[in-house]
PDB file of all heavy atoms in Angstrom:
ATOM      1  N   GLY A   1       3.984 -12.390  -6.650  1.00  0.00           N
ATOM      2  CA  GLY A   1       4.011 -11.123  -7.371  1.00  0.00           C
ATOM      3  C   GLY A   1       3.141 -10.074  -6.713  1.00  0.00           C
ATOM      4  O   GLY A   1       3.573  -8.940  -6.486  1.00  0.00           O
ATOM      5  N   THR A   2       1.894 -10.438  -6.386  1.00  0.00           N
ATOM      6  CA  THR A   2       1.003  -9.485  -5.726  1.00  0.00           C
ATOM      7  C   THR A   2       1.469  -9.184  -4.308  1.00  0.00           C
ATOM      8  O   THR A   2       1.398  -8.041  -3.848  1.00  0.00           O
ATOM      9  CB  THR A   2      -0.434 -10.034  -5.689  1.00  0.00           C
ATOM     10  OG1 THR A   2      -0.432 -11.338  -5.085  1.00  0.00           O
ATOM     11  CG2 THR A   2      -1.007 -10.148  -7.084  1.00  0.00           C
ATOM     12  N   LEU A   3       1.975 -10.195  -3.613  1.00  0.00           N
ATOM     13  CA  LEU A   3       2.453  -9.997  -2.246  1.00  0.00           C
ATOM     14  C   LEU A   3       3.631  -9.025  -2.219  1.00  0.00           C
ATOM     15  O   LEU A   3       3.705  -8.125  -1.377  1.00  0.00           O
ATOM     16  CB  LEU A   3       2.860 -11.342  -1.640  1.00  0.00           C
ATOM     17  CG  LEU A   3       2.765 -11.489  -0.115  1.00  0.00           C
ATOM     18  CD1 LEU A   3       1.320 -11.327   0.335  1.00  0.00           C
ATOM     19  CD2 LEU A   3       3.295 -12.837   0.318  1.00  0.00           C
ATOM     20  N   ALA A   4       4.552  -9.206  -3.150  1.00  0.00           N
ATOM     21  CA  ALA A   4       5.724  -8.339  -3.207  1.00  0.00           C
ATOM     22  C   ALA A   4       5.342  -6.906  -3.561  1.00  0.00           C
ATOM     23  O   ALA A   4       5.900  -5.946  -3.011  1.00  0.00           O
ATOM     24  CB  ALA A   4       6.727  -8.885  -4.218  1.00  0.00           C
ATOM     25  N   SER A   5       4.378  -6.749  -4.465  1.00  0.00           N
ATOM     26  CA  SER A   5       3.979  -5.399  -4.872  1.00  0.00           C
ATOM     27  C   SER A   5       3.310  -4.648  -3.730  1.00  0.00           C
ATOM     28  O   SER A   5       3.392  -3.428  -3.648  1.00  0.00           O
ATOM     29  CB  SER A   5       3.034  -5.470  -6.072  1.00  0.00           C
ATOM     30  OG  SER A   5       1.838  -6.128  -5.730  1.00  0.00           O
ATOM     31  N   VAL A   6       2.657  -5.382  -2.813  1.00  0.00           N
ATOM     32  CA  VAL A   6       1.993  -4.743  -1.681  1.00  0.00           C
ATOM     33  C   VAL A   6       2.985  -4.385  -0.581  1.00  0.00           C
ATOM     34  O   VAL A   6       2.999  -3.262  -0.070  1.00  0.00           O
ATOM     35  CB  VAL A   6       0.890  -5.663  -1.109  1.00  0.00           C
ATOM     36  CG1 VAL A   6       0.321  -5.084   0.176  1.00  0.00           C
ATOM     37  CG2 VAL A   6      -0.216  -5.849  -2.129  1.00  0.00           C
ATOM     38  N   TYR A   7       3.852  -5.335  -0.195  1.00  0.00           N
ATOM     39  CA  TYR A   7       4.640  -5.163   1.012  1.00  0.00           C
ATOM     40  C   TYR A   7       6.112  -4.821   0.795  1.00  0.00           C
ATOM     41  O   TYR A   7       6.798  -4.442   1.750  1.00  0.00           O
ATOM     42  CB  TYR A   7       4.559  -6.442   1.861  1.00  0.00           C
ATOM     43  CG  TYR A   7       3.167  -6.718   2.371  1.00  0.00           C
ATOM     44  CD1 TYR A   7       2.389  -7.729   1.823  1.00  0.00           C
ATOM     45  CD2 TYR A   7       2.610  -5.950   3.380  1.00  0.00           C
ATOM     46  CE1 TYR A   7       1.111  -7.986   2.278  1.00  0.00           C
ATOM     47  CE2 TYR A   7       1.332  -6.195   3.848  1.00  0.00           C
ATOM     48  CZ  TYR A   7       0.596  -7.217   3.296  1.00  0.00           C
ATOM     49  OH  TYR A   7      -0.680  -7.459   3.751  1.00  0.00           O
ATOM     50  N   PHE A   8       6.612  -4.935  -0.428  1.00  0.00           N
ATOM     51  CA  PHE A   8       8.042  -4.718  -0.619  1.00  0.00           C
ATOM     52  C   PHE A   8       8.372  -3.616  -1.623  1.00  0.00           C
ATOM     53  O   PHE A   8       9.374  -2.941  -1.486  1.00  0.00           O
ATOM     54  CB  PHE A   8       8.709  -6.026  -1.078  1.00  0.00           C
ATOM     55  CG  PHE A   8       8.663  -7.103  -0.041  1.00  0.00           C
ATOM     56  CD1 PHE A   8       7.714  -8.112  -0.135  1.00  0.00           C
ATOM     57  CD2 PHE A   8       9.531  -7.106   1.028  1.00  0.00           C
ATOM     58  CE1 PHE A   8       7.647  -9.115   0.814  1.00  0.00           C
ATOM     59  CE2 PHE A   8       9.468  -8.101   1.990  1.00  0.00           C
ATOM     60  CZ  PHE A   8       8.536  -9.105   1.885  1.00  0.00           C
ATOM     61  N   PHE A   9       7.544  -3.434  -2.645  1.00  0.00           N
ATOM     62  CA  PHE A   9       7.881  -2.515  -3.726  1.00  0.00           C
ATOM     63  C   PHE A   9       7.174  -1.172  -3.628  1.00  0.00           C
ATOM     64  O   PHE A   9       7.041  -0.462  -4.595  1.00  0.00           O
ATOM     65  CB  PHE A   9       7.557  -3.145  -5.088  1.00  0.00           C
ATOM     66  CG  PHE A   9       8.380  -4.359  -5.385  1.00  0.00           C
ATOM     67  CD1 PHE A   9       7.888  -5.361  -6.209  1.00  0.00           C
ATOM     68  CD2 PHE A   9       9.642  -4.527  -4.831  1.00  0.00           C
ATOM     69  CE1 PHE A   9       8.643  -6.493  -6.485  1.00  0.00           C
ATOM     70  CE2 PHE A   9      10.391  -5.656  -5.094  1.00  0.00           C
ATOM     71  CZ  PHE A   9       9.891  -6.638  -5.918  1.00  0.00           C
ATOM     72  N   SER A  10       6.669  -0.826  -2.459  1.00  0.00           N
ATOM     73  CA  SER A  10       5.983   0.447  -2.303  1.00  0.00           C
ATOM     74  C   SER A  10       6.500   1.172  -1.079  1.00  0.00           C
ATOM     75  O   SER A  10       6.776   0.565  -0.058  1.00  0.00           O
ATOM     76  CB  SER A  10       4.476   0.237  -2.177  1.00  0.00           C
ATOM     77  OG  SER A  10       4.183  -0.561  -1.050  1.00  0.00           O
ATOM     78  N   SER A  11       6.654   2.480  -1.201  1.00  0.00           N
ATOM     79  CA  SER A  11       7.149   3.289  -0.097  1.00  0.00           C
ATOM     80  C   SER A  11       6.023   3.823   0.768  1.00  0.00           C
ATOM     81  O   SER A  11       6.214   4.194   1.908  1.00  0.00           O
ATOM     82  CB  SER A  11       7.969   4.467  -0.639  1.00  0.00           C
ATOM     83  OG  SER A  11       7.189   5.226  -1.544  1.00  0.00           O
ATOM     84  N   SER A  12       4.821   3.909   0.226  1.00  0.00           N
ATOM     85  CA  SER A  12       3.662   4.385   0.975  1.00  0.00           C
ATOM     86  C   SER A  12       2.423   3.620   0.527  1.00  0.00           C
ATOM     87  O   SER A  12       2.390   3.041  -0.541  1.00  0.00           O
ATOM     88  CB  SER A  12       3.458   5.886   0.745  1.00  0.00           C
ATOM     89  OG  SER A  12       3.207   6.136  -0.627  1.00  0.00           O
ATOM     90  N   TRP A  13       1.407   3.659   1.387  1.00  0.00           N
ATOM     91  CA  TRP A  13       0.184   2.908   1.085  1.00  0.00           C
ATOM     92  C   TRP A  13      -0.726   3.780   0.241  1.00  0.00           C
ATOM     93  O   TRP A  13      -1.324   4.734   0.702  1.00  0.00           O
ATOM     94  CB  TRP A  13      -0.512   2.516   2.393  1.00  0.00           C
ATOM     95  CG  TRP A  13      -1.365   1.322   2.195  1.00  0.00           C
ATOM     96  CD1 TRP A  13      -2.670   1.298   1.863  1.00  0.00           C
ATOM     97  CD2 TRP A  13      -0.951  -0.038   2.297  1.00  0.00           C
ATOM     98  NE1 TRP A  13      -3.109   0.004   1.745  1.00  0.00           N
ATOM     99  CE2 TRP A  13      -2.084  -0.833   2.020  1.00  0.00           C
ATOM    100  CE3 TRP A  13       0.251  -0.666   2.606  1.00  0.00           C
ATOM    101  CZ2 TRP A  13      -2.046  -2.215   2.051  1.00  0.00           C
ATOM    102  CZ3 TRP A  13       0.291  -2.035   2.626  1.00  0.00           C
ATOM    103  CH2 TRP A  13      -0.844  -2.792   2.352  1.00  0.00           C
ATOM    104  N   ASP A  14      -0.844   3.502  -1.034  1.00  0.00           N
ATOM    105  CA  ASP A  14      -1.667   4.298  -1.925  1.00  0.00           C
ATOM    106  C   ASP A  14      -2.568   3.400  -2.752  1.00  0.00           C
ATOM    107  O   ASP A  14      -2.709   2.212  -2.480  1.00  0.00           O
ATOM    108  CB  ASP A  14      -0.795   5.182  -2.828  1.00  0.00           C
ATOM    109  CG  ASP A  14       0.267   4.361  -3.565  1.00  0.00           C
ATOM    110  OD1 ASP A  14       0.052   3.144  -3.738  1.00  0.00           O
ATOM    111  OD2 ASP A  14       1.284   4.937  -3.975  1.00  0.00           O
ATOM    112  N   SER A  15      -3.198   3.980  -3.783  1.00  0.00           N
ATOM    113  CA  SER A  15      -4.172   3.234  -4.569  1.00  0.00           C
ATOM    114  C   SER A  15      -3.556   2.041  -5.283  1.00  0.00           C
ATOM    115  O   SER A  15      -4.216   1.014  -5.483  1.00  0.00           O
ATOM    116  CB  SER A  15      -4.839   4.163  -5.585  1.00  0.00           C
ATOM    117  OG  SER A  15      -3.875   4.740  -6.445  1.00  0.00           O
ATOM    118  N   LYS A  16      -2.283   2.128  -5.684  1.00  0.00           N
ATOM    119  CA  LYS A  16      -1.630   1.005  -6.355  1.00  0.00           C
ATOM    120  C   LYS A  16      -1.530  -0.192  -5.423  1.00  0.00           C
ATOM    121  O   LYS A  16      -1.711  -1.335  -5.840  1.00  0.00           O
ATOM    122  CB  LYS A  16      -0.244   1.417  -6.851  1.00  0.00           C
ATOM    123  CG  LYS A  16      -0.247   2.418  -8.000  1.00  0.00           C
ATOM    124  CD  LYS A  16       1.153   2.707  -8.489  1.00  0.00           C
ATOM    125  CE  LYS A  16       1.956   3.428  -7.402  1.00  0.00           C
ATOM    126  NZ  LYS A  16       3.306   3.794  -7.885  1.00  0.00           N
ATOM    127  N   ASP A  17      -1.238   0.065  -4.153  1.00  0.00           N
ATOM    128  CA  ASP A  17      -1.144  -1.023  -3.187  1.00  0.00           C
ATOM    129  C   ASP A  17      -2.516  -1.636  -2.924  1.00  0.00           C
ATOM    130  O   ASP A  17      -2.635  -2.845  -2.713  1.00  0.00           O
ATOM    131  CB  ASP A  17      -0.540  -0.510  -1.877  1.00  0.00           C
ATOM    132  CG  ASP A  17       0.840   0.100  -2.080  1.00  0.00           C
ATOM    133  OD1 ASP A  17       1.694  -0.581  -2.649  1.00  0.00           O
ATOM    134  OD2 ASP A  17       1.024   1.259  -1.695  1.00  0.00           O
ATOM    135  N   ILE A  18      -3.547  -0.797  -2.906  1.00  0.00           N
ATOM    136  CA  ILE A  18      -4.897  -1.307  -2.700  1.00  0.00           C
ATOM    137  C   ILE A  18      -5.311  -2.191  -3.873  1.00  0.00           C
ATOM    138  O   ILE A  18      -5.931  -3.242  -3.687  1.00  0.00           O
ATOM    139  CB  ILE A  18      -5.882  -0.131  -2.504  1.00  0.00           C
ATOM    140  CG1 ILE A  18      -5.560   0.610  -1.210  1.00  0.00           C
ATOM    141  CG2 ILE A  18      -7.320  -0.635  -2.492  1.00  0.00           C
ATOM    142  CD1 ILE A  18      -6.421   1.827  -0.951  1.00  0.00           C
ATOM    143  N   ILE A  19      -4.954  -1.790  -5.080  1.00  0.00           N
ATOM    144  CA  ILE A  19      -5.254  -2.608  -6.259  1.00  0.00           C
ATOM    145  C   ILE A  19      -4.535  -3.951  -6.166  1.00  0.00           C
ATOM    146  O   ILE A  19      -5.110  -5.009  -6.461  1.00  0.00           O
ATOM    147  CB  ILE A  19      -4.847  -1.860  -7.547  1.00  0.00           C
ATOM    148  CG1 ILE A  19      -5.753  -0.652  -7.756  1.00  0.00           C
ATOM    149  CG2 ILE A  19      -4.913  -2.794  -8.760  1.00  0.00           C
ATOM    150  CD1 ILE A  19      -5.304   0.259  -8.868  1.00  0.00           C
ATOM    151  N   ALA A  20      -3.275  -3.931  -5.736  1.00  0.00           N
ATOM    152  CA  ALA A  20      -2.524  -5.175  -5.558  1.00  0.00           C
ATOM    153  C   ALA A  20      -3.164  -6.043  -4.480  1.00  0.00           C
ATOM    154  O   ALA A  20      -3.202  -7.272  -4.597  1.00  0.00           O
ATOM    155  CB  ALA A  20      -1.072  -4.874  -5.213  1.00  0.00           C
ATOM    156  N   SER A  21      -3.691  -5.420  -3.419  1.00  0.00           N
ATOM    157  CA  SER A  21      -4.379  -6.172  -2.368  1.00  0.00           C
ATOM    158  C   SER A  21      -5.655  -6.800  -2.891  1.00  0.00           C
ATOM    159  O   SER A  21      -6.017  -7.909  -2.492  1.00  0.00           O
ATOM    160  CB  SER A  21      -4.705  -5.242  -1.186  1.00  0.00           C
ATOM    161  OG  SER A  21      -3.533  -4.752  -0.587  1.00  0.00           O
ATOM    162  N   VAL A  22      -6.353  -6.085  -3.776  1.00  0.00           N
ATOM    163  CA  VAL A  22      -7.542  -6.661  -4.412  1.00  0.00           C
ATOM    164  C   VAL A  22      -7.149  -7.888  -5.229  1.00  0.00           C
ATOM    165  O   VAL A  22      -7.846  -8.915  -5.219  1.00  0.00           O
ATOM    166  CB  VAL A  22      -8.240  -5.615  -5.304  1.00  0.00           C
ATOM    167  CG1 VAL A  22      -9.305  -6.270  -6.173  1.00  0.00           C
ATOM    168  CG2 VAL A  22      -8.863  -4.517  -4.452  1.00  0.00           C
ATOM    169  N   MET A  23      -6.022  -7.803  -5.932  1.00  0.00           N
ATOM    170  CA  MET A  23      -5.525  -8.950  -6.684  1.00  0.00           C
ATOM    171  C   MET A  23      -5.299 -10.139  -5.761  1.00  0.00           C
ATOM    172  O   MET A  23      -5.673 -11.278  -6.088  1.00  0.00           O
ATOM    173  CB  MET A  23      -4.213  -8.579  -7.387  1.00  0.00           C
ATOM    174  CG  MET A  23      -4.359  -7.674  -8.579  1.00  0.00           C
ATOM    175  SD  MET A  23      -5.076  -8.540 -10.003  1.00  0.00           S
ATOM    176  CE  MET A  23      -3.805  -9.764 -10.324  1.00  0.00           C
ATOM    177  N   TYR A  24      -4.722  -9.886  -4.598  1.00  0.00           N
ATOM    178  CA  TYR A  24      -4.362 -10.959  -3.678  1.00  0.00           C
ATOM    179  C   TYR A  24      -5.589 -11.550  -2.985  1.00  0.00           C
ATOM    180  O   TYR A  24      -5.682 -12.768  -2.804  1.00  0.00           O
ATOM    181  CB  TYR A  24      -3.374 -10.432  -2.638  1.00  0.00           C
ATOM    182  CG  TYR A  24      -3.054 -11.417  -1.545  1.00  0.00           C
ATOM    183  CD1 TYR A  24      -2.350 -12.582  -1.820  1.00  0.00           C
ATOM    184  CD2 TYR A  24      -3.465 -11.198  -0.228  1.00  0.00           C
ATOM    185  CE1 TYR A  24      -2.063 -13.500  -0.820  1.00  0.00           C
ATOM    186  CE2 TYR A  24      -3.181 -12.100   0.767  1.00  0.00           C
ATOM    187  CZ  TYR A  24      -2.483 -13.245   0.465  1.00  0.00           C
ATOM    188  OH  TYR A  24      -2.218 -14.151   1.457  1.00  0.00           O
ATOM    189  N   THR A  25      -6.544 -10.691  -2.584  1.00  0.00           N
ATOM    190  CA  THR A  25      -7.673 -11.158  -1.787  1.00  0.00           C
ATOM    191  C   THR A  25      -8.886 -11.571  -2.613  1.00  0.00           C
ATOM    192  O   THR A  25      -9.723 -12.336  -2.124  1.00  0.00           O
ATOM    193  CB  THR A  25      -8.125 -10.066  -0.798  1.00  0.00           C
ATOM    194  OG1 THR A  25      -8.490  -8.885  -1.536  1.00  0.00           O
ATOM    195  CG2 THR A  25      -7.010  -9.731   0.175  1.00  0.00           C
ATOM    196  N   ALA A  26      -9.007 -11.051  -3.845  1.00  0.00           N
ATOM    197  CA  ALA A  26     -10.206 -11.325  -4.637  1.00  0.00           C
ATOM    198  C   ALA A  26      -9.911 -12.012  -5.967  1.00  0.00           C
ATOM    199  O   ALA A  26     -10.569 -12.996  -6.324  1.00  0.00           O
ATOM    200  CB  ALA A  26     -10.968 -10.017  -4.893  1.00  0.00           C
ATOM    201  N   VAL A  27      -8.921 -11.517  -6.696  1.00  0.00           N
ATOM    202  CA  VAL A  27      -8.677 -12.028  -8.048  1.00  0.00           C
ATOM    203  C   VAL A  27      -7.974 -13.387  -8.021  1.00  0.00           C
ATOM    204  O   VAL A  27      -8.422 -14.345  -8.670  1.00  0.00           O
ATOM    205  CB  VAL A  27      -7.862 -11.011  -8.874  1.00  0.00           C
ATOM    206  CG1 VAL A  27      -7.575 -11.575 -10.268  1.00  0.00           C
ATOM    207  CG2 VAL A  27      -8.611  -9.684  -8.985  1.00  0.00           C
ATOM    208  N   THR A  28      -6.863 -13.485  -7.277  1.00  0.00           N
ATOM    209  CA  THR A  28      -6.104 -14.743  -7.228  1.00  0.00           C
ATOM    210  C   THR A  28      -6.942 -15.917  -6.721  1.00  0.00           C
ATOM    211  O   THR A  28      -6.933 -16.986  -7.332  1.00  0.00           O
ATOM    212  CB  THR A  28      -4.837 -14.571  -6.376  1.00  0.00           C
ATOM    213  OG1 THR A  28      -4.031 -13.532  -6.926  1.00  0.00           O
ATOM    214  CG2 THR A  28      -4.028 -15.859  -6.340  1.00  0.00           C
ATOM    215  N   PRO A  29      -7.693 -15.782  -5.595  1.00  0.00           N
ATOM    216  CA  PRO A  29      -8.539 -16.902  -5.166  1.00  0.00           C
ATOM    217  C   PRO A  29      -9.590 -17.292  -6.196  1.00  0.00           C
ATOM    218  O   PRO A  29      -9.971 -18.465  -6.273  1.00  0.00           O
ATOM    219  CB  PRO A  29      -9.205 -16.364  -3.887  1.00  0.00           C
ATOM    220  CG  PRO A  29      -8.272 -15.330  -3.378  1.00  0.00           C
ATOM    221  CD  PRO A  29      -7.705 -14.684  -4.602  1.00  0.00           C
ATOM    222  N   MET A  30     -10.053 -16.326  -6.986  1.00  0.00           N
ATOM    223  CA  MET A  30     -11.041 -16.634  -8.025  1.00  0.00           C
ATOM    224  C   MET A  30     -10.410 -17.404  -9.179  1.00  0.00           C
ATOM    225  O   MET A  30     -11.020 -18.313  -9.759  1.00  0.00           O
ATOM    226  CB  MET A  30     -11.664 -15.342  -8.548  1.00  0.00           C
ATOM    227  CG  MET A  30     -12.692 -15.546  -9.642  1.00  0.00           C
ATOM    228  SD  MET A  30     -13.272 -14.010 -10.379  1.00  0.00           S
ATOM    229  CE  MET A  30     -11.779 -13.460 -11.235  1.00  0.00           C
ATOM    230  N   LEU A  31      -9.156 -17.057  -9.526  1.00  0.00           N
ATOM    231  CA  LEU A  31      -8.508 -17.663 -10.687  1.00  0.00           C
ATOM    232  C   LEU A  31      -7.966 -19.057 -10.423  1.00  0.00           C
ATOM    233  O   LEU A  31      -7.868 -19.873 -11.343  1.00  0.00           O
ATOM    234  CB  LEU A  31      -7.365 -16.757 -11.168  1.00  0.00           C
ATOM    235  CG  LEU A  31      -7.755 -15.408 -11.779  1.00  0.00           C
ATOM    236  CD1 LEU A  31      -6.496 -14.630 -12.173  1.00  0.00           C
ATOM    237  CD2 LEU A  31      -8.657 -15.592 -12.981  1.00  0.00           C
ATOM    238  N   ASN A  32      -7.578 -19.335  -9.181  1.00  0.00           N
ATOM    239  CA  ASN A  32      -6.911 -20.606  -8.880  1.00  0.00           C
ATOM    240  C   ASN A  32      -7.666 -21.847  -9.345  1.00  0.00           C
ATOM    241  O   ASN A  32      -7.070 -22.756  -9.936  1.00  0.00           O
ATOM    242  CB  ASN A  32      -6.598 -20.694  -7.385  1.00  0.00           C
ATOM    243  CG  ASN A  32      -5.363 -19.904  -7.008  1.00  0.00           C
ATOM    244  OD1 ASN A  32      -4.657 -19.389  -7.877  1.00  0.00           O
ATOM    245  ND2 ASN A  32      -5.095 -19.781  -5.720  1.00  0.00           N
ATOM    246  N   PRO A  33      -8.997 -21.959  -9.115  1.00  0.00           N
ATOM    247  CA  PRO A  33      -9.694 -23.158  -9.605  1.00  0.00           C
ATOM    248  C   PRO A  33      -9.606 -23.303 -11.121  1.00  0.00           C
ATOM    249  O   PRO A  33      -9.493 -24.418 -11.635  1.00  0.00           O
ATOM    250  CB  PRO A  33     -11.150 -22.928  -9.157  1.00  0.00           C
ATOM    251  CG  PRO A  33     -11.059 -21.969  -8.030  1.00  0.00           C
ATOM    252  CD  PRO A  33      -9.900 -21.081  -8.346  1.00  0.00           C
ATOM    253  N   PHE A  34      -9.655 -22.186 -11.843  1.00  0.00           N
ATOM    254  CA  PHE A  34      -9.572 -22.243 -13.299  1.00  0.00           C
ATOM    255  C   PHE A  34      -8.160 -22.606 -13.752  1.00  0.00           C
ATOM    256  O   PHE A  34      -7.972 -23.367 -14.708  1.00  0.00           O
ATOM    257  CB  PHE A  34      -9.991 -20.901 -13.903  1.00  0.00           C
ATOM    258  CG  PHE A  34     -11.405 -20.515 -13.598  1.00  0.00           C
ATOM    259  CD1 PHE A  34     -11.688 -19.611 -12.597  1.00  0.00           C
ATOM    260  CD2 PHE A  34     -12.451 -21.086 -14.301  1.00  0.00           C
ATOM    261  CE1 PHE A  34     -12.998 -19.257 -12.307  1.00  0.00           C
ATOM    262  CE2 PHE A  34     -13.769 -20.743 -14.023  1.00  0.00           C
ATOM    263  CZ  PHE A  34     -14.043 -19.829 -13.017  1.00  0.00           C
ATOM    264  N   ILE A  35      -7.164 -22.072 -13.068  1.00  0.00           N
ATOM    265  CA  ILE A  35      -5.770 -22.362 -13.426  1.00  0.00           C
ATOM    266  C   ILE A  35      -5.481 -23.854 -13.283  1.00  0.00           C
ATOM    267  O   ILE A  35      -4.834 -24.464 -14.143  1.00  0.00           O
ATOM    268  CB  ILE A  35      -4.807 -21.550 -12.543  1.00  0.00           C
ATOM    269  CG1 ILE A  35      -4.946 -20.054 -12.848  1.00  0.00           C
ATOM    270  CG2 ILE A  35      -3.363 -21.990 -12.762  1.00  0.00           C
ATOM    271  CD1 ILE A  35      -4.202 -19.165 -11.870  1.00  0.00           C
ATOM    272  N   TYR A  36      -5.988 -24.450 -12.202  1.00  0.00           N
ATOM    273  CA  TYR A  36      -5.712 -25.867 -11.948  1.00  0.00           C
ATOM    274  C   TYR A  36      -6.641 -26.800 -12.720  1.00  0.00           C
ATOM    275  O   TYR A  36      -6.403 -28.005 -12.759  1.00  0.00           O
ATOM    276  CB  TYR A  36      -5.826 -26.163 -10.450  1.00  0.00           C
ATOM    277  CG  TYR A  36      -4.589 -25.778  -9.667  1.00  0.00           C
ATOM    278  CD1 TYR A  36      -4.565 -24.633  -8.891  1.00  0.00           C
ATOM    279  CD2 TYR A  36      -3.437 -26.563  -9.716  1.00  0.00           C
ATOM    280  CE1 TYR A  36      -3.436 -24.274  -8.171  1.00  0.00           C
ATOM    281  CE2 TYR A  36      -2.308 -26.219  -9.005  1.00  0.00           C
ATOM    282  CZ  TYR A  36      -2.309 -25.078  -8.239  1.00  0.00           C
ATOM    283  OH  TYR A  36      -1.192 -24.729  -7.536  1.00  0.00           O
ATOM    284  N   SER A  37      -7.696 -26.256 -13.325  1.00  0.00           N
ATOM    285  CA  SER A  37      -8.691 -27.120 -13.959  1.00  0.00           C
ATOM    286  C   SER A  37      -8.683 -27.089 -15.482  1.00  0.00           C
ATOM    287  O   SER A  37      -8.980 -28.099 -16.120  1.00  0.00           O
ATOM    288  CB  SER A  37     -10.099 -26.738 -13.470  1.00  0.00           C
ATOM    289  OG  SER A  37     -10.178 -26.804 -12.073  1.00  0.00           O
TER     290      SER A  37
END
């Protein structure tokens, strides 16, 4: 979901894409241990 929002669903690189990148690089890695545990 975050990958698609960054690289496929945007026509230009703006703040929405940066927020999606934050989700991919910071939020998702943080949540994964909790999701699996």
